[in-house]
């Protein structure tokens, strides 16, 4: 099975702070995975490593490979590996129209520009993506005038326009109301059932869909647990991960964290 992510013995500093010390992690194609951890444990740093925004310290027998390659042109990589994050949502141009938000994925740009060229086939594909995501009627609406949920779906469409091998979702339902949250998770589930590999990076238990089969716990700059969801995701393990008493409840294949006994 093709390996989407291979990290071995990775050490990372942000300023004088050591974020990772010997981090090792592999994710193969088809293995829908949730990477779970408290705030401040390095989830954002992990995303920036994968997008080549930051680099690890040099070390013996240390490497990061994405889709089997250590060296990538950053723009080419983004066509194969879609990342949807709150940072991207904040950076995106408010005056961009819905259609342009989708088309910008072809160039990994923020909005579209006069020098960029899009064929009729490109625009037809963008229209299909919007239709599949339920936002076709917003093609001409300004990004800034959309709801948070609508913006998230357009950024997802921006990533999907290149049919990437995998998608990384960074806390995808943060800030959404219940209806928008459920709509977004239904889209994510549909993508997984269609064969798209999803890597979910979050601290929200409710964001983990039934189709996610593997859970990784990240804490203190290292992987402290990794395995099948049913074995890893328990009240006891979550309590250790978040350093507080947690009672895990389950319904319809989803999980939710409740306060445990004081």
C-alpha atoms as a PDB file:
ATOM      1  CA  UNK A   1       0.000   0.000   0.000  1.00  0.00           C
ATOM      2  CA  UNK A   2       1.307   3.450  -0.918  1.00  0.00           C
ATOM      3  CA  UNK A   3       2.529   5.528   2.003  1.00  0.00           C
ATOM      4  CA  UNK A   4       1.092   9.038   2.003  1.00  0.00           C
ATOM      5  CA  UNK A   5       3.139  10.333   4.936  1.00  0.00           C
ATOM      6  CA  UNK A   6       6.443   8.998   6.271  1.00  0.00           C
ATOM      7  CA  UNK A   7       8.139  10.824   9.124  1.00  0.00           C
ATOM      8  CA  UNK A   8      11.126   9.324  10.891  1.00  0.00           C
ATOM      9  CA  UNK A   9      13.053  10.711  13.850  1.00  0.00           C
ATOM     10  CA  UNK A  10      11.869  14.286  13.269  1.00  0.00           C
ATOM     11  CA  UNK A  11      13.031  17.069  15.574  1.00  0.00           C
ATOM     12  CA  UNK A  12      11.539  20.548  15.204  1.00  0.00           C
ATOM     13  CA  UNK A  13      12.167  23.841  16.963  1.00  0.00           C
ATOM     14  CA  UNK A  14       9.910  26.896  16.803  1.00  0.00           C
ATOM     15  CA  UNK A  15      12.235  29.637  17.959  1.00  0.00           C
ATOM     16  CA  UNK A  16      13.921  28.250  21.069  1.00  0.00           C
ATOM     17  CA  UNK A  17      11.055  25.866  21.839  1.00  0.00           C
ATOM     18  CA  UNK A  18      11.438  22.217  20.877  1.00  0.00           C
ATOM     19  CA  UNK A  19       8.101  21.029  19.490  1.00  0.00           C
ATOM     20  CA  UNK A  20       9.035  17.518  18.321  1.00  0.00           C
ATOM     21  CA  UNK A  21      11.826  15.279  19.522  1.00  0.00           C
ATOM     22  CA  UNK A  22      12.275  12.177  17.373  1.00  0.00           C
ATOM     23  CA  UNK A  23       8.722  12.114  15.988  1.00  0.00           C
ATOM     24  CA  UNK A  24       7.978   9.058  13.838  1.00  0.00           C
ATOM     25  CA  UNK A  25       4.673   8.611  11.996  1.00  0.00           C
ATOM     26  CA  UNK A  26       3.449   6.783   8.892  1.00  0.00           C
ATOM     27  CA  UNK A  27       0.045   6.954   7.199  1.00  0.00           C
ATOM     28  CA  UNK A  28      -0.818   4.769   4.215  1.00  0.00           C
ATOM     29  CA  UNK A  29      -3.311   5.420   1.453  1.00  0.00           C
ATOM     30  CA  UNK A  30      -6.791   4.325   2.410  1.00  0.00           C
ATOM     31  CA  UNK A  31      -6.140   4.542   6.145  1.00  0.00           C
ATOM     32  CA  UNK A  32      -8.489   7.276   7.337  1.00  0.00           C
ATOM     33  CA  UNK A  33      -6.761   8.650  10.417  1.00  0.00           C
ATOM     34  CA  UNK A  34      -7.530  11.087  13.236  1.00  0.00           C
ATOM     35  CA  UNK A  35      -4.568  12.806  14.918  1.00  0.00           C
ATOM     36  CA  UNK A  36      -5.816  13.916  18.296  1.00  0.00           C
ATOM     37  CA  UNK A  37      -4.209  16.051  20.961  1.00  0.00           C
ATOM     38  CA  UNK A  38      -4.615  19.066  23.246  1.00  0.00           C
ATOM     39  CA  UNK A  39      -3.823  22.576  22.069  1.00  0.00           C
ATOM     40  CA  UNK A  40      -0.119  23.361  21.987  1.00  0.00           C
ATOM     41  CA  UNK A  41       1.156  19.825  21.341  1.00  0.00           C
ATOM     42  CA  UNK A  42       2.327  20.480  17.795  1.00  0.00           C
ATOM     43  CA  UNK A  43      -0.667  19.793  15.562  1.00  0.00           C
ATOM     44  CA  UNK A  44      -0.181  23.068  13.657  1.00  0.00           C
ATOM     45  CA  UNK A  45       3.559  22.416  13.412  1.00  0.00           C
ATOM     46  CA  UNK A  46       2.807  19.002  11.919  1.00  0.00           C
ATOM     47  CA  UNK A  47       0.697  20.622   9.180  1.00  0.00           C
ATOM     48  CA  UNK A  48       3.414  23.168   8.401  1.00  0.00           C
ATOM     49  CA  UNK A  49       5.981  20.374   8.097  1.00  0.00           C
ATOM     50  CA  UNK A  50       3.838  18.628   5.519  1.00  0.00           C
ATOM     51  CA  UNK A  51       3.291  21.791   3.471  1.00  0.00           C
ATOM     52  CA  UNK A  52       7.000  22.689   3.668  1.00  0.00           C
ATOM     53  CA  UNK A  53       6.327  25.950   5.482  1.00  0.00           C
ATOM     54  CA  UNK A  54       8.851  24.866   8.104  1.00  0.00           C
ATOM     55  CA  UNK A  55      11.634  22.263   8.093  1.00  0.00           C
ATOM     56  CA  UNK A  56      12.961  19.895  10.750  1.00  0.00           C
ATOM     57  CA  UNK A  57      16.435  20.038  12.240  1.00  0.00           C
ATOM     58  CA  UNK A  58      18.965  17.954  10.340  1.00  0.00           C
ATOM     59  CA  UNK A  59      19.692  14.583  11.875  1.00  0.00           C
ATOM     60  CA  UNK A  60      20.966  11.117  11.103  1.00  0.00           C
ATOM     61  CA  UNK A  61      18.346   8.738   9.738  1.00  0.00           C
ATOM     62  CA  UNK A  62      15.773  11.537   9.753  1.00  0.00           C
ATOM     63  CA  UNK A  63      13.389  12.279   6.895  1.00  0.00           C
ATOM     64  CA  UNK A  64       9.940  13.402   5.804  1.00  0.00           C
ATOM     65  CA  UNK A  65       8.428  11.808   2.721  1.00  0.00           C
ATOM     66  CA  UNK A  66       5.107  12.714   1.181  1.00  0.00           C
ATOM     67  CA  UNK A  67       3.789  10.263  -1.401  1.00  0.00           C
ATOM     68  CA  UNK A  68       7.184   8.596  -1.422  1.00  0.00           C
ATOM     69  CA  UNK A  69       9.218  11.719  -2.164  1.00  0.00           C
ATOM     70  CA  UNK A  70      11.396  13.875   0.074  1.00  0.00           C
ATOM     71  CA  UNK A  71      11.852  16.701  -2.443  1.00  0.00           C
ATOM     72  CA  UNK A  72       8.842  18.524  -3.834  1.00  0.00           C
ATOM     73  CA  UNK A  73       8.064  21.715  -5.618  1.00  0.00           C
ATOM     74  CA  UNK A  74       5.719  23.258  -3.041  1.00  0.00           C
ATOM     75  CA  UNK A  75       3.097  24.217  -5.642  1.00  0.00           C
ATOM     76  CA  UNK A  76       3.160  20.753  -7.195  1.00  0.00           C
ATOM     77  CA  UNK A  77       2.791  19.153  -3.777  1.00  0.00           C
ATOM     78  CA  UNK A  78      -0.341  21.155  -3.039  1.00  0.00           C
ATOM     79  CA  UNK A  79      -1.958  19.675  -6.137  1.00  0.00           C
ATOM     80  CA  UNK A  80      -1.491  16.177  -4.716  1.00  0.00           C
ATOM     81  CA  UNK A  81      -2.106  16.840  -1.071  1.00  0.00           C
ATOM     82  CA  UNK A  82      -5.018  19.037  -0.068  1.00  0.00           C
ATOM     83  CA  UNK A  83      -4.941  20.819   3.281  1.00  0.00           C
ATOM     84  CA  UNK A  84      -7.935  22.761   4.588  1.00  0.00           C
ATOM     85  CA  UNK A  85      -7.179  24.814   7.689  1.00  0.00           C
ATOM     86  CA  UNK A  86      -8.487  27.777   9.635  1.00  0.00           C
ATOM     87  CA  UNK A  87      -5.313  29.657   8.645  1.00  0.00           C
ATOM     88  CA  UNK A  88      -6.271  29.309   4.977  1.00  0.00           C
ATOM     89  CA  UNK A  89      -9.788  30.520   5.720  1.00  0.00           C
ATOM     90  CA  UNK A  90      -8.443  33.617   7.469  1.00  0.00           C
ATOM     91  CA  UNK A  91      -5.968  34.369   4.686  1.00  0.00           C
ATOM     92  CA  UNK A  92      -8.426  33.989   1.842  1.00  0.00           C
ATOM     93  CA  UNK A  93      -9.399  37.158  -0.006  1.00  0.00           C
ATOM     94  CA  UNK A  94     -12.800  38.407   1.065  1.00  0.00           C
ATOM     95  CA  UNK A  95     -13.633  39.792  -2.384  1.00  0.00           C
ATOM     96  CA  UNK A  96     -13.138  36.459  -4.162  1.00  0.00           C
ATOM     97  CA  UNK A  97     -16.258  34.989  -5.735  1.00  0.00           C
ATOM     98  CA  UNK A  98     -17.308  31.415  -5.097  1.00  0.00           C
ATOM     99  CA  UNK A  99     -16.322  30.126  -8.530  1.00  0.00           C
ATOM    100  CA  UNK A 100     -12.928  31.828  -8.283  1.00  0.00           C
ATOM    101  CA  UNK A 101     -12.323  30.271  -4.871  1.00  0.00           C
ATOM    102  CA  UNK A 102     -12.713  26.819  -6.442  1.00  0.00           C
ATOM    103  CA  UNK A 103     -10.665  27.655  -9.551  1.00  0.00           C
ATOM    104  CA  UNK A 104      -7.811  29.072  -7.446  1.00  0.00           C
ATOM    105  CA  UNK A 105      -7.038  25.512  -6.390  1.00  0.00           C
ATOM    106  CA  UNK A 106      -5.500  24.875  -9.818  1.00  0.00           C
ATOM    107  CA  UNK A 107      -2.752  27.387  -8.967  1.00  0.00           C
ATOM    108  CA  UNK A 108      -2.774  26.998  -5.168  1.00  0.00           C
ATOM    109  CA  UNK A 109      -3.357  30.745  -5.048  1.00  0.00           C
ATOM    110  CA  UNK A 110      -5.544  33.015  -2.956  1.00  0.00           C
ATOM    111  CA  UNK A 111      -8.252  34.120  -5.419  1.00  0.00           C
ATOM    112  CA  UNK A 112      -7.614  34.093  -9.175  1.00  0.00           C
ATOM    113  CA  UNK A 113      -5.556  36.560 -11.208  1.00  0.00           C
ATOM    114  CA  UNK A 114      -5.542  37.935 -14.744  1.00  0.00           C
ATOM    115  CA  UNK A 115      -2.483  35.951 -15.824  1.00  0.00           C
ATOM    116  CA  UNK A 116      -4.081  32.638 -14.824  1.00  0.00           C
ATOM    117  CA  UNK A 117      -5.888  30.726 -17.539  1.00  0.00           C
ATOM    118  CA  UNK A 118      -8.821  28.372 -17.074  1.00  0.00           C
ATOM    119  CA  UNK A 119     -10.295  26.247 -19.833  1.00  0.00           C
ATOM    120  CA  UNK A 120     -13.963  25.483 -20.339  1.00  0.00           C
ATOM    121  CA  UNK A 121     -13.182  22.014 -18.962  1.00  0.00           C
ATOM    122  CA  UNK A 122     -11.699  23.583 -15.818  1.00  0.00           C
ATOM    123  CA  UNK A 123     -14.814  25.644 -15.251  1.00  0.00           C
ATOM    124  CA  UNK A 124     -17.089  22.665 -15.885  1.00  0.00           C
ATOM    125  CA  UNK A 125     -15.188  20.659 -13.281  1.00  0.00           C
ATOM    126  CA  UNK A 126     -15.441  23.541 -10.806  1.00  0.00           C
ATOM    127  CA  UNK A 127     -19.194  23.684 -11.387  1.00  0.00           C
ATOM    128  CA  UNK A 128     -19.484  19.928 -10.701  1.00  0.00           C
ATOM    129  CA  UNK A 129     -17.471  20.272  -7.502  1.00  0.00           C
ATOM    130  CA  UNK A 130     -19.760  23.064  -6.272  1.00  0.00           C
ATOM    131  CA  UNK A 131     -22.813  20.996  -7.157  1.00  0.00           C
ATOM    132  CA  UNK A 132     -21.482  17.991  -5.244  1.00  0.00           C
ATOM    133  CA  UNK A 133     -20.787  20.172  -2.207  1.00  0.00           C
ATOM    134  CA  UNK A 134     -24.198  21.823  -2.312  1.00  0.00           C
ATOM    135  CA  UNK A 135     -22.937  25.360  -2.954  1.00  0.00           C
ATOM    136  CA  UNK A 136     -23.598  25.799  -6.695  1.00  0.00           C
ATOM    137  CA  UNK A 137     -26.018  28.655  -6.046  1.00  0.00           C
ATOM    138  CA  UNK A 138     -23.196  30.610  -4.362  1.00  0.00           C
ATOM    139  CA  UNK A 139     -20.882  30.656  -7.377  1.00  0.00           C
ATOM    140  CA  UNK A 140     -21.099  34.456  -7.701  1.00  0.00           C
ATOM    141  CA  UNK A 141     -21.254  35.325  -4.017  1.00  0.00           C
ATOM    142  CA  UNK A 142     -18.302  37.060  -2.359  1.00  0.00           C
ATOM    143  CA  UNK A 143     -16.339  34.832  -0.003  1.00  0.00           C
ATOM    144  CA  UNK A 144     -16.658  37.410   2.799  1.00  0.00           C
ATOM    145  CA  UNK A 145     -20.458  37.364   2.452  1.00  0.00           C
ATOM    146  CA  UNK A 146     -20.695  33.598   3.000  1.00  0.00           C
ATOM    147  CA  UNK A 147     -21.343  31.876   6.298  1.00  0.00           C
ATOM    148  CA  UNK A 148     -18.452  30.070   7.974  1.00  0.00           C
ATOM    149  CA  UNK A 149     -19.885  26.724   6.900  1.00  0.00           C
ATOM    150  CA  UNK A 150     -20.228  27.841   3.292  1.00  0.00           C
ATOM    151  CA  UNK A 151     -16.652  29.129   3.295  1.00  0.00           C
ATOM    152  CA  UNK A 152     -15.416  25.759   4.582  1.00  0.00           C
ATOM    153  CA  UNK A 153     -17.186  23.938   1.780  1.00  0.00           C
ATOM    154  CA  UNK A 154     -15.657  26.234  -0.829  1.00  0.00           C
ATOM    155  CA  UNK A 155     -12.171  25.677   0.589  1.00  0.00           C
ATOM    156  CA  UNK A 156     -12.835  21.946   0.498  1.00  0.00           C
ATOM    157  CA  UNK A 157     -13.865  22.323  -3.146  1.00  0.00           C
ATOM    158  CA  UNK A 158     -10.685  24.315  -3.797  1.00  0.00           C
ATOM    159  CA  UNK A 159      -8.691  21.298  -2.607  1.00  0.00           C
ATOM    160  CA  UNK A 160     -10.847  18.742  -4.424  1.00  0.00           C
ATOM    161  CA  UNK A 161     -10.497  20.464  -7.818  1.00  0.00           C
ATOM    162  CA  UNK A 162      -7.124  18.715  -8.254  1.00  0.00           C
ATOM    163  CA  UNK A 163      -8.439  15.313  -7.133  1.00  0.00           C
ATOM    164  CA  UNK A 164      -5.643  14.963  -4.537  1.00  0.00           C
ATOM    165  CA  UNK A 165      -4.519  11.606  -3.182  1.00  0.00           C
ATOM    166  CA  UNK A 166      -5.314  12.727   0.359  1.00  0.00           C
ATOM    167  CA  UNK A 167      -6.950  15.532   2.299  1.00  0.00           C
ATOM    168  CA  UNK A 168      -5.852  16.872   5.660  1.00  0.00           C
ATOM    169  CA  UNK A 169      -8.610  18.605   7.595  1.00  0.00           C
ATOM    170  CA  UNK A 170      -7.543  20.865  10.454  1.00  0.00           C
ATOM    171  CA  UNK A 171     -10.391  21.089  13.001  1.00  0.00           C
ATOM    172  CA  UNK A 172     -12.915  21.246  10.149  1.00  0.00           C
ATOM    173  CA  UNK A 173     -16.066  21.971  12.172  1.00  0.00           C
ATOM    174  CA  UNK A 174     -14.609  24.556  14.568  1.00  0.00           C
ATOM    175  CA  UNK A 175     -16.936  27.558  14.710  1.00  0.00           C
ATOM    176  CA  UNK A 176     -19.829  25.830  12.916  1.00  0.00           C
ATOM    177  CA  UNK A 177     -23.336  25.518  14.281  1.00  0.00           C
ATOM    178  CA  UNK A 178     -24.824  22.031  14.598  1.00  0.00           C
ATOM    179  CA  UNK A 179     -26.511  21.988  11.202  1.00  0.00           C
ATOM    180  CA  UNK A 180     -23.390  23.177   9.377  1.00  0.00           C
ATOM    181  CA  UNK A 181     -21.249  20.776  11.389  1.00  0.00           C
ATOM    182  CA  UNK A 182     -23.413  17.795  10.458  1.00  0.00           C
ATOM    183  CA  UNK A 183     -23.544  18.861   6.800  1.00  0.00           C
ATOM    184  CA  UNK A 184     -19.756  19.131   6.615  1.00  0.00           C
ATOM    185  CA  UNK A 185     -19.184  15.799   8.331  1.00  0.00           C
ATOM    186  CA  UNK A 186     -21.639  14.135   5.930  1.00  0.00           C
ATOM    187  CA  UNK A 187     -19.587  15.452   3.010  1.00  0.00           C
ATOM    188  CA  UNK A 188     -16.373  14.159   4.603  1.00  0.00           C
ATOM    189  CA  UNK A 189     -17.967  10.744   5.149  1.00  0.00           C
ATOM    190  CA  UNK A 190     -19.093  10.643   1.540  1.00  0.00           C
ATOM    191  CA  UNK A 191     -15.543  11.392   0.380  1.00  0.00           C
ATOM    192  CA  UNK A 192     -14.118   8.581   2.501  1.00  0.00           C
ATOM    193  CA  UNK A 193     -16.699   6.112   1.246  1.00  0.00           C
ATOM    194  CA  UNK A 194     -15.751   7.127  -2.308  1.00  0.00           C
ATOM    195  CA  UNK A 195     -12.119   6.197  -1.609  1.00  0.00           C
ATOM    196  CA  UNK A 196     -10.542   9.528  -0.655  1.00  0.00           C
ATOM    197  CA  UNK A 197      -8.016   9.253   2.185  1.00  0.00           C
ATOM    198  CA  UNK A 198      -8.785  11.680   5.000  1.00  0.00           C
ATOM    199  CA  UNK A 199      -6.384  12.731   7.742  1.00  0.00           C
ATOM    200  CA  UNK A 200      -8.161  14.648  10.495  1.00  0.00           C
ATOM    201  CA  UNK A 201      -6.120  16.814  12.861  1.00  0.00           C
ATOM    202  CA  UNK A 202      -8.165  17.954  15.832  1.00  0.00           C
ATOM    203  CA  UNK A 203      -8.882  18.080  19.551  1.00  0.00           C
ATOM    204  CA  UNK A 204     -12.645  17.770  18.976  1.00  0.00           C
ATOM    205  CA  UNK A 205     -13.830  14.194  19.593  1.00  0.00           C
ATOM    206  CA  UNK A 206     -17.144  14.760  17.800  1.00  0.00           C
ATOM    207  CA  UNK A 207     -15.318  15.448  14.517  1.00  0.00           C
ATOM    208  CA  UNK A 208     -14.183  11.830  14.181  1.00  0.00           C
ATOM    209  CA  UNK A 209     -16.566  10.085  11.722  1.00  0.00           C
ATOM    210  CA  UNK A 210     -17.328   6.351  11.862  1.00  0.00           C
ATOM    211  CA  UNK A 211     -15.230   5.797   8.712  1.00  0.00           C
ATOM    212  CA  UNK A 212     -12.037   6.815  10.531  1.00  0.00           C
ATOM    213  CA  UNK A 213     -10.342   3.544  11.485  1.00  0.00           C
ATOM    214  CA  UNK A 214      -7.119   4.740  13.120  1.00  0.00           C
ATOM    215  CA  UNK A 215      -6.445   7.210  15.916  1.00  0.00           C
ATOM    216  CA  UNK A 216      -3.093   8.760  16.839  1.00  0.00           C
ATOM    217  CA  UNK A 217      -2.571  10.574  20.144  1.00  0.00           C
ATOM    218  CA  UNK A 218      -0.043  13.415  20.036  1.00  0.00           C
ATOM    219  CA  UNK A 219       1.300  14.863  23.280  1.00  0.00           C
ATOM    220  CA  UNK A 220       4.556  16.294  24.536  1.00  0.00           C
ATOM    221  CA  UNK A 221       6.024  16.377  21.043  1.00  0.00           C
ATOM    222  CA  UNK A 222       5.614  12.657  20.407  1.00  0.00           C
ATOM    223  CA  UNK A 223       3.122   9.951  19.519  1.00  0.00           C
ATOM    224  CA  UNK A 224       1.934   8.426  22.792  1.00  0.00           C
ATOM    225  CA  UNK A 225      -0.699   6.070  21.334  1.00  0.00           C
ATOM    226  CA  UNK A 226      -1.454   4.792  17.854  1.00  0.00           C
ATOM    227  CA  UNK A 227      -3.805   2.086  16.646  1.00  0.00           C
ATOM    228  CA  UNK A 228      -7.320   0.961  15.866  1.00  0.00           C
ATOM    229  CA  UNK A 229      -9.950   3.479  16.919  1.00  0.00           C
ATOM    230  CA  UNK A 230     -11.858   1.017  19.106  1.00  0.00           C
ATOM    231  CA  UNK A 231      -8.736   0.198  21.103  1.00  0.00           C
ATOM    232  CA  UNK A 232      -7.251   3.694  21.348  1.00  0.00           C
ATOM    233  CA  UNK A 233     -10.343   5.848  21.870  1.00  0.00           C
ATOM    234  CA  UNK A 234     -11.459   5.095  25.428  1.00  0.00           C
ATOM    235  CA  UNK A 235     -12.437   7.157  28.464  1.00  0.00           C
ATOM    236  CA  UNK A 236      -9.237   6.179  30.248  1.00  0.00           C
ATOM    237  CA  UNK A 237      -6.903   6.997  27.348  1.00  0.00           C
ATOM    238  CA  UNK A 238      -8.587  10.345  26.656  1.00  0.00           C
ATOM    239  CA  UNK A 239      -8.361  11.272  30.316  1.00  0.00           C
ATOM    240  CA  UNK A 240      -4.600  10.673  30.177  1.00  0.00           C
ATOM    241  CA  UNK A 241      -4.260  12.571  26.904  1.00  0.00           C
ATOM    242  CA  UNK A 242      -6.069  15.690  28.129  1.00  0.00           C
ATOM    243  CA  UNK A 243      -5.057  15.424  31.803  1.00  0.00           C
ATOM    244  CA  UNK A 244      -8.646  15.585  33.008  1.00  0.00           C
ATOM    245  CA  UNK A 245     -11.398  13.106  33.823  1.00  0.00           C
ATOM    246  CA  UNK A 246     -13.370  12.286  30.658  1.00  0.00           C
ATOM    247  CA  UNK A 247     -16.315   9.984  30.052  1.00  0.00           C
ATOM    248  CA  UNK A 248     -16.589   8.901  26.416  1.00  0.00           C
ATOM    249  CA  UNK A 249     -20.081   8.289  25.029  1.00  0.00           C
ATOM    250  CA  UNK A 250     -20.991   6.837  21.648  1.00  0.00           C
ATOM    251  CA  UNK A 251     -23.955   7.016  19.278  1.00  0.00           C
ATOM    252  CA  UNK A 252     -24.462   6.248  15.582  1.00  0.00           C
ATOM    253  CA  UNK A 253     -20.750   5.552  15.198  1.00  0.00           C
ATOM    254  CA  UNK A 254     -19.720   8.956  16.579  1.00  0.00           C
ATOM    255  CA  UNK A 255     -18.100   9.759  19.913  1.00  0.00           C
ATOM    256  CA  UNK A 256     -18.515  12.635  22.332  1.00  0.00           C
ATOM    257  CA  UNK A 257     -16.550  13.560  25.426  1.00  0.00           C
ATOM    258  CA  UNK A 258     -18.402  14.289  28.652  1.00  0.00           C
ATOM    259  CA  UNK A 259     -16.977  15.392  32.007  1.00  0.00           C
ATOM    260  CA  UNK A 260     -15.940  12.375  34.053  1.00  0.00           C
ATOM    261  CA  UNK A 261     -16.230  11.915  37.785  1.00  0.00           C
ATOM    262  CA  UNK A 262     -14.576  14.699  39.733  1.00  0.00           C
END
